[in-house]
Amino acid sequence: MHLDKGHLGNFILDNEENNNLDSDASNDSIQTLSEDSSLSNDDTDSEDDEELSDSNNAHTSGSTESTLLNANEEEDEVVKAIIRSKDINTNHPPPITTEDHVVDICFHPNSNMIAVANIVGDVHLYKYNNTETKLVSTLELHLKACRDVEFNDSGTTLFSTAKDLCIMLTDLETEKLIRLYENAHEEPIYTMTVIGEHMFATGDDDGVVKIWDLRQRENIPIFSLKKMEDYVSTIVTNKEGKYLVCASGDGCLTTFNIPGKKLHVQSEEYEEELTCLGLFKSETKILVGTSKGKMYVYNWGEFGLHSDEFPNLTKKAINCMIPITENVVITGGEDGILRATSLFPHHHLGIVGEHNLSIEALDVNSDGTLIASSSHDNDIKFWNVQYFETLDVSERVKGGKQKQLKHNLPSSKIDNASTFFSDLQ
């Protein structure tokens, strides 16, 4: 606006000069008027602009400060949520990474120790707490892959079996070999279980099962029978010790009568390998995992036919399982994921933890609060599962199959998206 008025004053001056006006006073008066008018408008508009600019700057500054403040608050909340998610369940030992492939793991029954059997035949003993895992001893026992390690009930003796056909009993206090069964099987031994104070059983790659009595001086089994056509994957019994139940790669569940030293019953044949077993409901139910991801439930004592069948979400092989409560099982899968499942009623509870590669071994400590899992990564991870004591297993995961597949439990160290963002509200 002031530019237009300024140009008008200059236009009047030029016209006055061109017409040779004799009145300097008039010219001066007009010029002064024009300049005053221009200056006056310049000053006024300048003040207006400065006020407008100040106002805009103040508004912009306030808006920016508000935006930055909100952004900082949001950022702080995000950071807090991330920190919270990282701090979830840190009350467990740090992982163990070994040089050699881990074949089996076993918790000590009375102390914070875990035995780790590897592919070169050694057994490593680690002490652990919530801040460190420390290698305390290496037992160079077998000449070939050590396939199974177990402790006796008192924790004084370590049992180990291997591909070298040997069974070894080692005194933990002295770390000296107290008994050696050479050429115990004709084929590599695959699995073993301790039966009470004096007995144990072994199964090999060819389907042969043998029962041994420590009270016998000779290193010969009290019972040996071949009724399976493939490897014996797992052997379990209950506290009564009457039946020995064996899962096999031939797809049959085979049961032996221990006192009678004979075959009890063999189940129907499944079109899949039976890979792992677990006892539930005060040992009245036995759960069988398979290479196709299914789980079959048998009533204890009725081993001819399963009473129920649970389909798996992923249809990937279940390699190992461990009972956590009378009604909850944790399974380790070919997909590297540990999943918890409620058996009665049957539904998937969520992801307990995960590895990058297939999970091959799984065990739980004596009080049921800590589990360990190992994978083809040569790693052993610990998961605090104490929350199962208060977890409402009757509450189903909302949503479809994908939601169930991705639902994380507290031990998984990963927040579910809904839980994570609810922290920001």
Protein backbone atom coordinates (compact mmCIF):
# COMPACT_ATOMS: atom_id res chain seq x y z
CA MET A 1 0.00 0.00 0.00
CA HIS A 2 2.72 2.53 0.86
CA LEU A 3 4.41 1.90 -2.51
CA ASP A 4 1.36 3.17 -4.36
CA LYS A 5 1.22 6.34 -2.31
CA GLY A 6 4.92 6.99 -2.76
CA HIS A 7 4.66 6.69 -6.52
CA LEU A 8 1.78 9.17 -6.50
CA GLY A 9 3.93 11.84 -4.71
CA ASN A 10 6.78 11.39 -7.20
CA PHE A 11 4.36 11.68 -10.12
CA ILE A 12 3.08 15.06 -8.78
CA LEU A 13 6.66 16.39 -8.36
CA ASP A 14 7.63 15.48 -11.89
CA ASN A 15 4.61 17.21 -13.36
CA GLU A 16 5.27 20.39 -11.37
CA GLU A 17 8.88 20.58 -12.54
CA ASN A 18 7.98 19.95 -16.19
CA ASN A 19 5.43 22.80 -16.20
CA ASN A 20 8.05 25.36 -14.82
CA LEU A 21 6.01 26.25 -11.77
CA ASP A 22 7.47 29.42 -10.17
CA SER A 23 6.23 28.68 -6.72
CA ASP A 24 9.04 26.89 -4.84
CA ALA A 25 6.95 27.07 -1.72
CA SER A 26 4.18 25.22 -3.47
CA ASN A 27 6.66 22.69 -4.89
CA ASP A 28 8.33 22.30 -1.50
CA SER A 29 4.97 22.00 0.11
CA ILE A 30 3.86 19.29 -2.30
CA GLN A 31 7.22 17.47 -2.03
CA THR A 32 7.12 17.73 1.74
CA LEU A 33 3.55 16.53 1.75
CA SER A 34 4.46 13.67 -0.53
CA GLU A 35 7.50 12.71 1.54
CA ASP A 36 5.61 13.07 4.79
CA SER A 37 2.79 11.01 3.39
CA SER A 38 5.22 8.36 2.14
CA LEU A 39 7.19 8.32 5.40
CA SER A 40 4.05 8.30 7.45
CA ASN A 41 2.64 5.33 5.56
CA ASP A 42 6.01 3.60 5.55
CA ASP A 43 6.25 3.96 9.33
CA THR A 44 2.70 2.83 9.86
CA ASP A 45 2.99 -0.17 7.58
CA SER A 46 6.40 -1.02 9.03
CA GLU A 47 4.92 -1.02 12.53
CA ASP A 48 2.01 -3.11 11.33
CA ASP A 49 4.39 -5.57 9.65
CA GLU A 50 6.55 -5.77 12.76
CA GLU A 51 3.50 -6.41 14.95
CA LEU A 52 2.22 -9.01 12.47
CA SER A 53 5.65 -10.58 12.25
CA ASP A 54 5.98 -10.62 16.03
CA SER A 55 2.56 -12.14 16.31
CA ASN A 56 3.34 -14.78 13.67
CA ASN A 57 6.70 -15.50 15.26
CA ALA A 58 5.11 -15.83 18.66
CA HIS A 59 2.46 -18.15 17.25
CA THR A 60 5.00 -20.17 15.29
CA SER A 61 7.32 -20.34 18.27
CA GLY A 62 4.50 -21.44 20.54
CA SER A 63 3.32 -23.99 18.02
CA THR A 64 6.84 -25.30 17.50
CA GLU A 65 7.47 -25.53 21.21
CA SER A 66 4.17 -27.33 21.65
CA THR A 67 4.94 -29.71 18.79
CA LEU A 68 8.42 -30.39 20.11
CA LEU A 69 7.04 -30.90 23.58
CA ASN A 70 4.42 -33.35 22.34
CA ALA A 71 6.98 -35.11 20.16
CA ASN A 72 9.38 -35.37 23.09
CA GLU A 73 6.63 -36.69 25.33
CA GLU A 74 5.63 -39.26 22.71
CA GLU A 75 9.27 -40.18 22.14
CA ASP A 76 9.78 -40.54 25.88
CA GLU A 77 6.77 -42.83 26.13
CA VAL A 78 7.99 -44.94 23.20
CA VAL A 79 11.43 -45.21 24.78
CA LYS A 80 9.84 -46.17 28.09
CA ALA A 81 7.73 -48.82 26.37
CA ILE A 82 10.78 -50.22 24.58
CA ILE A 83 12.70 -50.33 27.85
CA ARG A 84 9.79 -52.03 29.55
CA SER A 85 9.62 -54.61 26.79
CA LYS A 86 13.34 -55.30 27.09
CA ASP A 87 13.16 -55.59 30.86
CA ILE A 88 10.40 -58.18 30.83
CA ASN A 89 11.45 -61.35 32.63
CA THR A 90 15.17 -60.78 32.89
CA ASN A 91 15.11 -63.11 35.90
CA HIS A 92 16.71 -65.98 34.04
CA PRO A 93 20.30 -67.01 33.24
CA PRO A 94 22.00 -65.64 30.13
CA PRO A 95 22.29 -68.03 27.15
CA ILE A 96 25.11 -70.50 26.60
CA THR A 97 26.85 -70.78 23.23
CA THR A 98 29.03 -73.84 22.65
CA GLU A 99 31.71 -74.66 20.09
CA ASP A 100 30.15 -78.03 19.25
CA HIS A 101 26.62 -79.05 18.38
CA VAL A 102 24.43 -79.67 21.44
CA VAL A 103 22.63 -83.04 21.43
CA ASP A 104 20.97 -83.12 24.85
CA ILE A 105 20.57 -81.07 28.04
CA CYS A 106 19.51 -81.97 31.58
CA PHE A 107 18.95 -79.91 34.74
CA HIS A 108 20.45 -81.14 38.00
CA PRO A 109 17.64 -82.10 40.42
CA ASN A 110 19.04 -80.32 43.50
CA SER A 111 21.31 -77.46 42.42
CA ASN A 112 21.61 -74.71 39.82
CA MET A 113 23.55 -76.84 37.38
CA ILE A 114 22.83 -78.03 33.87
CA ALA A 115 24.55 -80.83 31.93
CA VAL A 116 25.14 -80.30 28.21
CA ALA A 117 25.97 -83.27 25.97
CA ASN A 118 27.61 -82.56 22.61
CA ILE A 119 28.32 -84.23 19.31
CA VAL A 120 31.97 -85.01 20.08
CA GLY A 121 31.07 -87.08 23.14
CA ASP A 122 31.77 -84.59 25.94
CA VAL A 123 29.49 -83.47 28.74
CA HIS A 124 29.86 -79.88 29.97
CA LEU A 125 28.61 -78.91 33.40
CA TYR A 126 27.48 -75.32 33.87
CA LYS A 127 26.55 -73.48 37.05
CA TYR A 128 24.02 -70.71 36.52
CA ASN A 129 22.24 -67.84 38.19
CA ASN A 130 20.32 -64.84 36.89
CA THR A 131 23.47 -62.94 35.94
CA GLU A 132 25.85 -65.57 34.55
CA THR A 133 26.32 -69.11 33.26
CA LYS A 134 29.72 -70.52 34.15
CA LEU A 135 31.41 -73.64 32.81
CA VAL A 136 32.63 -75.54 35.88
CA SER A 137 33.69 -78.86 34.37
CA THR A 138 34.16 -80.77 31.12
CA LEU A 139 33.79 -84.54 31.22
CA GLU A 140 35.43 -86.19 28.21
CA LEU A 141 33.41 -89.39 28.28
CA HIS A 142 32.48 -90.82 24.91
CA LEU A 143 34.33 -91.38 21.64
CA LYS A 144 31.27 -90.45 19.55
CA ALA A 145 28.24 -88.21 19.89
CA CYS A 146 26.74 -88.22 23.38
CA ARG A 147 23.05 -88.65 22.72
CA ASP A 148 21.43 -88.57 26.16
CA VAL A 149 22.34 -87.36 29.67
CA GLU A 150 20.33 -87.94 32.85
CA PHE A 151 20.85 -87.48 36.58
CA ASN A 152 19.68 -89.94 39.20
CA ASP A 153 17.07 -88.67 41.65
CA SER A 154 19.63 -87.62 44.26
CA GLY A 155 21.84 -85.87 41.69
CA THR A 156 24.97 -87.78 42.71
CA THR A 157 25.37 -89.74 39.48
CA LEU A 158 25.38 -88.68 35.84
CA PHE A 159 24.17 -91.23 33.28
CA SER A 160 25.29 -90.82 29.67
CA THR A 161 24.74 -92.80 26.49
CA ALA A 162 26.31 -92.33 23.08
CA LYS A 163 26.69 -93.41 19.52
CA ASP A 164 29.78 -95.38 20.59
CA LEU A 165 27.43 -98.09 22.04
CA CYS A 166 28.53 -97.29 25.62
CA ILE A 167 26.64 -96.37 28.77
CA MET A 168 28.62 -94.51 31.44
CA LEU A 169 27.86 -93.65 35.05
CA THR A 170 29.96 -90.80 36.49
CA ASP A 171 30.23 -89.72 40.11
CA LEU A 172 29.61 -85.97 40.13
CA GLU A 173 31.59 -85.23 43.27
CA THR A 174 34.81 -86.95 42.16
CA GLU A 175 34.06 -86.79 38.41
CA LYS A 176 35.31 -90.36 38.17
CA LEU A 177 33.72 -93.13 36.13
CA ILE A 178 31.97 -95.54 38.49
CA ARG A 179 30.47 -97.91 35.92
CA LEU A 180 30.95 -98.58 32.22
CA TYR A 181 28.73 -100.67 29.98
CA GLU A 182 30.72 -101.34 26.81
CA ASN A 183 28.92 -102.50 23.66
CA ALA A 184 25.65 -102.20 25.56
CA HIS A 185 23.74 -102.30 22.26
CA GLU A 186 24.59 -103.58 18.81
CA GLU A 187 23.39 -100.29 17.29
CA PRO A 188 23.95 -96.71 18.49
CA ILE A 189 21.95 -95.85 21.60
CA TYR A 190 19.40 -93.10 20.94
CA THR A 191 17.63 -92.50 24.27
CA MET A 192 17.59 -93.41 27.97
CA THR A 193 15.49 -92.96 31.10
CA VAL A 194 16.23 -93.58 34.78
CA ILE A 195 13.71 -95.82 36.58
CA GLY A 196 13.82 -95.31 40.33
CA GLU A 197 16.95 -95.85 42.39
CA HIS A 198 18.33 -99.01 40.82
CA MET A 199 17.15 -99.31 37.23
CA PHE A 200 17.34 -97.54 33.89
CA ALA A 201 16.26 -98.28 30.32
CA THR A 202 17.84 -97.60 26.93
CA GLY A 203 16.62 -97.69 23.33
CA ASP A 204 18.68 -97.75 20.14
CA ASP A 205 18.55 -96.83 16.46
CA ASP A 206 17.24 -100.29 15.51
CA GLY A 207 14.22 -100.38 17.83
CA VAL A 208 15.77 -102.51 20.61
CA VAL A 209 14.85 -101.67 24.22
CA LYS A 210 16.89 -102.87 27.21
CA ILE A 211 16.35 -102.56 30.94
CA TRP A 212 19.32 -102.54 33.30
CA ASP A 213 19.57 -103.17 37.06
CA LEU A 214 22.45 -101.50 38.89
CA ARG A 215 22.34 -104.15 41.58
CA GLN A 216 23.58 -106.75 39.14
CA ARG A 217 27.34 -107.19 39.06
CA GLU A 218 27.45 -108.25 35.43
CA ASN A 219 26.95 -105.59 32.82
CA ILE A 220 24.07 -107.39 31.16
CA PRO A 221 20.44 -106.24 30.85
CA ILE A 222 17.67 -107.91 32.81
CA PHE A 223 15.40 -107.45 29.83
CA SER A 224 15.94 -106.97 26.09
CA LEU A 225 13.35 -106.98 23.34
CA LYS A 226 13.00 -105.74 19.80
CA LYS A 227 9.41 -104.88 18.87
CA MET A 228 9.94 -101.67 16.92
CA GLU A 229 11.15 -101.35 13.35
CA ASP A 230 12.83 -97.97 13.68
CA TYR A 231 14.70 -95.87 16.24
CA VAL A 232 13.38 -95.51 19.79
CA SER A 233 12.89 -91.75 20.19
CA THR A 234 11.74 -91.48 23.83
CA ILE A 235 11.09 -93.70 26.85
CA VAL A 236 8.94 -92.79 29.87
CA THR A 237 7.44 -94.48 32.89
CA ASN A 238 5.43 -93.32 35.89
CA LYS A 239 6.17 -93.49 39.62
CA GLU A 240 4.62 -96.92 39.90
CA GLY A 241 7.19 -98.24 37.42
CA LYS A 242 5.02 -101.01 36.00
CA TYR A 243 4.91 -99.96 32.36
CA LEU A 244 7.67 -98.68 30.12
CA VAL A 245 6.22 -96.63 27.24
CA CYS A 246 8.32 -96.11 24.11
CA ALA A 247 7.80 -93.83 21.11
CA SER A 248 9.38 -94.83 17.81
CA GLY A 249 10.15 -93.67 14.33
CA ASP A 250 8.03 -96.55 13.01
CA GLY A 251 4.87 -94.73 14.11
CA CYS A 252 3.89 -97.09 16.95
CA LEU A 253 3.55 -96.55 20.67
CA THR A 254 5.04 -99.67 22.28
CA THR A 255 4.55 -100.55 25.95
CA PHE A 256 6.47 -103.13 28.01
CA ASN A 257 5.54 -104.73 31.31
CA ILE A 258 8.62 -104.14 33.49
CA PRO A 259 7.98 -106.72 36.27
CA GLY A 260 6.82 -109.27 33.71
CA LYS A 261 9.73 -108.50 31.36
CA LYS A 262 7.51 -108.76 28.32
CA LEU A 263 5.60 -106.78 25.72
CA HIS A 264 2.37 -105.32 27.08
CA VAL A 265 0.69 -103.77 24.04
CA GLN A 266 1.52 -101.98 20.82
CA SER A 267 -0.67 -99.21 19.43
CA GLU A 268 -2.04 -98.79 15.96
CA GLU A 269 0.55 -97.56 13.47
CA TYR A 270 0.50 -93.88 12.57
CA GLU A 271 1.71 -92.49 9.26
CA GLU A 272 4.25 -90.31 11.05
CA GLU A 273 7.16 -90.65 13.44
CA LEU A 274 6.38 -90.51 17.15
CA THR A 275 9.03 -88.14 18.47
CA CYS A 276 8.38 -87.31 22.13
CA LEU A 277 6.28 -88.17 25.20
CA GLY A 278 4.98 -86.43 28.33
CA LEU A 279 2.90 -87.35 31.40
CA PHE A 280 0.00 -85.18 32.59
CA LYS A 281 -2.99 -85.12 34.92
CA SER A 282 -1.19 -86.85 37.80
CA GLU A 283 0.26 -89.37 35.36
CA THR A 284 -3.18 -90.49 34.18
CA LYS A 285 -2.61 -89.12 30.67
CA ILE A 286 0.29 -89.56 28.27
CA LEU A 287 0.84 -87.11 25.40
CA VAL A 288 2.60 -88.11 22.18
CA GLY A 289 4.18 -85.60 19.75
CA THR A 290 4.76 -86.43 16.09
CA SER A 291 6.82 -85.46 13.05
CA LYS A 292 3.71 -83.94 11.46
CA GLY A 293 2.98 -81.64 14.36
CA LYS A 294 0.07 -83.58 15.83
CA MET A 295 -0.38 -84.56 19.47
CA TYR A 296 -2.20 -87.70 20.59
CA VAL A 297 -3.53 -88.27 24.11
CA TYR A 298 -3.65 -91.74 25.69
CA ASN A 299 -5.15 -92.80 28.98
CA TRP A 300 -2.43 -94.37 31.11
CA GLY A 301 -2.84 -98.14 30.95
CA GLU A 302 -4.83 -97.95 27.71
CA PHE A 303 -2.01 -97.81 25.18
CA GLY A 304 -3.69 -99.50 22.23
CA LEU A 305 -5.58 -96.48 20.91
CA HIS A 306 -5.44 -92.75 21.61
CA SER A 307 -8.39 -91.09 23.32
CA ASP A 308 -7.96 -87.65 21.77
CA GLU A 309 -6.06 -85.90 18.99
CA PHE A 310 -4.81 -82.31 18.90
CA PRO A 311 -3.91 -80.76 15.54
CA ASN A 312 -0.90 -78.46 15.45
CA LEU A 313 -1.10 -74.87 14.23
CA THR A 314 1.93 -75.06 11.95
CA LYS A 315 2.04 -78.78 10.98
CA LYS A 316 5.79 -78.62 11.61
CA ALA A 317 7.48 -81.46 13.48
CA ILE A 318 7.35 -81.44 17.27
CA ASN A 319 10.84 -82.54 18.30
CA CYS A 320 10.54 -82.36 22.09
CA MET A 321 8.08 -81.56 24.86
CA ILE A 322 8.10 -80.89 28.58
CA PRO A 323 5.18 -80.81 31.05
CA ILE A 324 5.02 -77.48 32.93
CA THR A 325 1.84 -78.03 34.93
CA GLU A 326 -0.65 -80.89 35.12
CA ASN A 327 -2.44 -79.33 32.18
CA VAL A 328 0.13 -77.34 30.19
CA VAL A 329 2.80 -78.64 27.81
CA ILE A 330 5.63 -76.72 26.17
CA THR A 331 6.75 -78.11 22.83
CA GLY A 332 9.90 -77.39 20.82
CA GLY A 333 9.43 -77.41 17.09
CA GLU A 334 11.22 -77.73 13.81
CA ASP A 335 10.35 -74.07 13.19
CA GLY A 336 12.49 -72.99 16.17
CA ILE A 337 9.54 -71.88 18.30
CA LEU A 338 8.60 -72.95 21.82
CA ARG A 339 4.83 -73.06 22.19
CA ALA A 340 2.62 -73.59 25.22
CA THR A 341 -0.60 -75.57 24.90
CA SER A 342 -3.42 -76.18 27.33
CA LEU A 343 -4.60 -79.77 27.09
CA PHE A 344 -7.98 -79.67 28.85
CA PRO A 345 -9.63 -77.71 27.34
CA HIS A 346 -7.36 -77.83 24.33
CA HIS A 347 -6.17 -74.53 22.96
CA HIS A 348 -2.87 -72.80 22.16
CA LEU A 349 -1.66 -70.40 24.83
CA GLY A 350 1.13 -68.70 22.87
CA ILE A 351 4.85 -68.47 22.18
CA VAL A 352 7.16 -69.12 25.13
CA GLY A 353 10.38 -68.33 23.24
CA GLU A 354 12.21 -69.00 20.01
CA HIS A 355 15.49 -69.93 18.34
CA ASN A 356 16.70 -69.19 14.84
CA LEU A 357 16.88 -72.90 13.98
CA SER A 358 15.12 -76.14 14.90
CA ILE A 359 14.81 -76.90 18.63
CA GLU A 360 16.26 -80.31 19.48
CA ALA A 361 16.28 -80.59 23.29
CA LEU A 362 14.19 -79.24 26.14
CA ASP A 363 14.23 -79.63 29.93
CA VAL A 364 12.71 -78.06 33.05
CA ASN A 365 14.33 -77.46 36.42
CA SER A 366 13.18 -79.19 39.60
CA ASP A 367 10.75 -76.48 40.77
CA GLY A 368 9.23 -75.93 37.33
CA THR A 369 10.05 -72.23 37.10
CA LEU A 370 12.84 -72.38 34.50
CA ILE A 371 13.19 -74.24 31.23
CA ALA A 372 16.16 -74.58 28.91
CA SER A 373 16.10 -75.26 25.18
CA SER A 374 18.82 -75.96 22.64
CA SER A 375 18.90 -75.70 18.87
CA HIS A 376 21.12 -76.31 15.86
CA ASP A 377 22.67 -72.90 16.55
CA ASN A 378 24.85 -74.53 19.24
CA ASP A 379 23.03 -72.35 21.73
CA ILE A 380 21.12 -72.99 24.94
CA LYS A 381 18.54 -70.45 26.06
CA PHE A 382 16.77 -70.14 29.40
CA TRP A 383 13.15 -69.06 29.84
CA ASN A 384 11.48 -68.10 33.09
CA VAL A 385 8.04 -69.76 33.04
CA GLN A 386 6.98 -69.00 36.59
CA TYR A 387 4.02 -67.00 35.26
CA PHE A 388 2.27 -70.29 34.41
CA GLU A 389 1.46 -70.59 38.11
CA THR A 390 -1.02 -67.71 37.78
CA LEU A 391 -1.79 -67.78 34.03
CA ASP A 392 -5.47 -68.26 33.25
CA VAL A 393 -5.22 -71.13 30.76
CA SER A 394 -8.98 -71.09 30.18
CA GLU A 395 -8.75 -67.70 28.46
CA ARG A 396 -8.37 -68.15 24.74
CA VAL A 397 -6.27 -65.97 22.47
CA LYS A 398 -8.64 -63.68 20.59
CA GLY A 399 -8.48 -63.74 16.81
CA GLY A 400 -7.87 -66.33 14.13
CA LYS A 401 -5.07 -68.73 13.42
CA GLN A 402 -2.53 -66.01 12.62
CA LYS A 403 -3.19 -64.26 15.93
CA GLN A 404 -2.71 -67.55 17.78
CA LEU A 405 0.51 -68.25 15.88
CA LYS A 406 1.99 -64.87 16.82
CA HIS A 407 0.72 -64.48 20.38
CA ASN A 408 3.69 -64.02 22.74
CA LEU A 409 3.74 -65.05 26.38
CA PRO A 410 5.78 -63.09 28.98
CA SER A 411 8.87 -65.31 28.68
CA SER A 412 9.22 -64.71 24.94
CA LYS A 413 10.89 -61.30 25.52
CA ILE A 414 8.68 -59.86 22.77
CA ASP A 415 5.61 -57.72 23.42
CA ASN A 416 2.46 -58.33 21.48
CA ALA A 417 1.59 -55.26 19.41
CA SER A 418 -1.60 -54.62 21.34
CA THR A 419 0.20 -54.83 24.68
CA PHE A 420 3.05 -52.64 23.48
CA PHE A 421 0.83 -49.85 22.21
CA SER A 422 -1.46 -50.03 25.22
CA ASP A 423 1.56 -48.88 27.24
CA LEU A 424 1.56 -45.67 25.21
CA GLN A 425 -2.02 -44.74 26.06
